[in-house]
C-alpha atoms as a PDB file:
ATOM      1  CA  MET A   1      12.381 -72.064  65.059  1.00  0.00           C
ATOM      2  CA  ASN A   2      12.329 -74.515  67.975  1.00  0.00           C
ATOM      3  CA  ILE A   3      11.193 -78.128  67.536  1.00  0.00           C
ATOM      4  CA  LEU A   4       8.767 -79.477  70.173  1.00  0.00           C
ATOM      5  CA  ILE A   5       6.671 -82.574  70.879  1.00  0.00           C
ATOM      6  CA  GLU A   6       2.974 -81.853  71.350  1.00  0.00           C
ATOM      7  CA  ASN A   7       0.496 -84.314  72.841  1.00  0.00           C
ATOM      8  CA  ALA A   8      -2.277 -84.215  70.214  1.00  0.00           C
ATOM      9  CA  ASP A   9      -4.968 -85.109  72.767  1.00  0.00           C
ATOM     10  CA  SER A  10      -4.137 -82.663  75.577  1.00  0.00           C
ATOM     11  CA  LEU A  11      -2.360 -80.031  73.415  1.00  0.00           C
ATOM     12  CA  GLU A  12       0.484 -79.924  75.946  1.00  0.00           C
ATOM     13  CA  TYR A  13       4.194 -79.837  75.121  1.00  0.00           C
ATOM     14  CA  LEU A  14       6.829 -82.204  76.484  1.00  0.00           C
ATOM     15  CA  ALA A  15       8.905 -80.334  79.043  1.00  0.00           C
ATOM     16  CA  GLY A  16      11.142 -83.281  79.971  1.00  0.00           C
ATOM     17  CA  ASP A  17      11.127 -86.386  82.171  1.00  0.00           C
ATOM     18  CA  ASN A  18       7.369 -87.093  81.882  1.00  0.00           C
ATOM     19  CA  HIS A  19       6.428 -83.470  82.580  1.00  0.00           C
ATOM     20  CA  TRP A  20       4.100 -81.599  80.233  1.00  0.00           C
ATOM     21  CA  THR A  21       3.257 -77.905  79.917  1.00  0.00           C
ATOM     22  CA  LYS A  22       0.634 -75.785  78.150  1.00  0.00           C
ATOM     23  CA  ASN A  23       3.334 -73.142  77.542  1.00  0.00           C
ATOM     24  CA  ALA A  24       5.227 -73.862  74.303  1.00  0.00           C
ATOM     25  CA  ALA A  25       8.136 -71.649  75.402  1.00  0.00           C
ATOM     26  CA  ALA A  26       8.658 -73.924  78.430  1.00  0.00           C
ATOM     27  CA  GLY A  27       8.751 -77.091  76.316  1.00  0.00           C
ATOM     28  CA  LYS A  28      11.859 -79.164  75.653  1.00  0.00           C
ATOM     29  CA  PHE A  29      13.497 -78.108  72.385  1.00  0.00           C
ATOM     30  CA  PHE A  30      14.956 -80.702  70.013  1.00  0.00           C
ATOM     31  CA  PRO A  31      17.744 -80.018  67.494  1.00  0.00           C
ATOM     32  CA  GLY A  32      15.797 -81.637  64.643  1.00  0.00           C
ATOM     33  CA  THR A  33      12.480 -83.211  63.677  1.00  0.00           C
ATOM     34  CA  SER A  34      13.866 -86.746  63.400  1.00  0.00           C
ATOM     35  CA  LEU A  35      15.242 -86.650  66.962  1.00  0.00           C
ATOM     36  CA  ALA A  36      11.938 -85.282  68.252  1.00  0.00           C
ATOM     37  CA  PHE A  37       9.999 -87.948  66.328  1.00  0.00           C
ATOM     38  CA  ASP A  38      12.149 -90.750  67.771  1.00  0.00           C
ATOM     39  CA  ALA A  39      11.739 -89.371  71.306  1.00  0.00           C
ATOM     40  CA  ALA A  40       7.970 -88.943  70.905  1.00  0.00           C
ATOM     41  CA  LYS A  41       7.531 -92.567  69.806  1.00  0.00           C
ATOM     42  CA  LYS A  42       8.942 -93.627  73.188  1.00  0.00           C
ATOM     43  CA  GLU A  43       6.531 -91.485  75.226  1.00  0.00           C
ATOM     44  CA  ALA A  44       3.455 -92.931  76.936  1.00  0.00           C
ATOM     45  CA  ILE A  45       1.053 -90.940  74.756  1.00  0.00           C
ATOM     46  CA  ASN A  46      -1.274 -91.932  71.967  1.00  0.00           C
ATOM     47  CA  LYS A  47      -1.103 -89.350  69.175  1.00  0.00           C
ATOM     48  CA  PHE A  48       1.582 -86.672  68.970  1.00  0.00           C
ATOM     49  CA  ASN A  49       2.590 -83.799  66.743  1.00  0.00           C
ATOM     50  CA  ILE A  50       6.079 -82.544  66.014  1.00  0.00           C
ATOM     51  CA  VAL A  51       5.734 -78.782  65.869  1.00  0.00           C
ATOM     52  CA  GLY A  52       7.977 -75.875  65.044  1.00  0.00           C
ATOM     53  CA  TYR A  53       7.560 -73.057  67.566  1.00  0.00           C
ATOM     54  CA  ILE A  54       8.390 -69.510  66.513  1.00  0.00           C
ATOM     55  CA  ALA A  55       9.121 -67.634  69.748  1.00  0.00           C
ATOM     56  CA  GLU A  56       8.924 -64.150  68.211  1.00  0.00           C
ATOM     57  CA  THR A  57       5.295 -64.601  67.145  1.00  0.00           C
ATOM     58  CA  GLY A  58       4.158 -67.408  69.472  1.00  0.00           C
ATOM     59  CA  GLN A  59       3.098 -69.498  66.468  1.00  0.00           C
ATOM     60  CA  CYS A  60       3.281 -73.274  66.183  1.00  0.00           C
ATOM     61  CA  ILE A  61       3.580 -75.023  62.829  1.00  0.00           C
ATOM     62  CA  ASN A  62       2.704 -78.715  62.557  1.00  0.00           C
ATOM     63  CA  LEU A  63       5.674 -80.502  60.941  1.00  0.00           C
ATOM     64  CA  ASN A  64       4.865 -84.194  61.464  1.00  0.00           C
ATOM     65  CA  HIS A  65       2.642 -86.522  63.487  1.00  0.00           C
ATOM     66  CA  GLY A  66       2.590 -90.058  64.792  1.00  0.00           C
ATOM     67  CA  ARG A  67       1.756 -92.368  67.674  1.00  0.00           C
ATOM     68  CA  GLY A  68       3.673 -93.016  70.873  1.00  0.00           C
ATOM     69  CA  ARG A  69       3.686 -96.113  73.072  1.00  0.00           C
ATOM     70  CA  GLY A  70       0.161 -95.299  74.245  1.00  0.00           C
ATOM     71  CA  LEU A  71      -1.090 -94.750  77.729  1.00  0.00           C
ATOM     72  CA  PRO A  72      -0.203 -97.338  80.367  1.00  0.00           C
ATOM     73  CA  ALA A  73      -2.891 -99.983  80.830  1.00  0.00           C
ATOM     74  CA  ILE A  74      -5.106 -99.458  83.876  1.00  0.00           C
ATOM     75  CA  VAL A  75      -5.601-102.665  85.809  1.00  0.00           C
ATOM     76  CA  PRO A  76      -8.897-102.848  87.755  1.00  0.00           C
ATOM     77  CA  ALA A  77      -8.487-103.229  91.516  1.00  0.00           C
END
């Protein structure tokens, strides 16, 4: 099982360096849930899920959830 960060709003997976993908197999894998959770809390997203992805079946299992740093504030022009 591979550990991924999922944006709970867009249902996309962190692929690395502020890139997101709809394809779980292309997401960035983490060696454990605690490392993924710590990384997700630093991302500019609101809600996130830590999921286990089973490549053989294409299934995702929700393991944990939380909130990131949130989206950057938009300043009116």
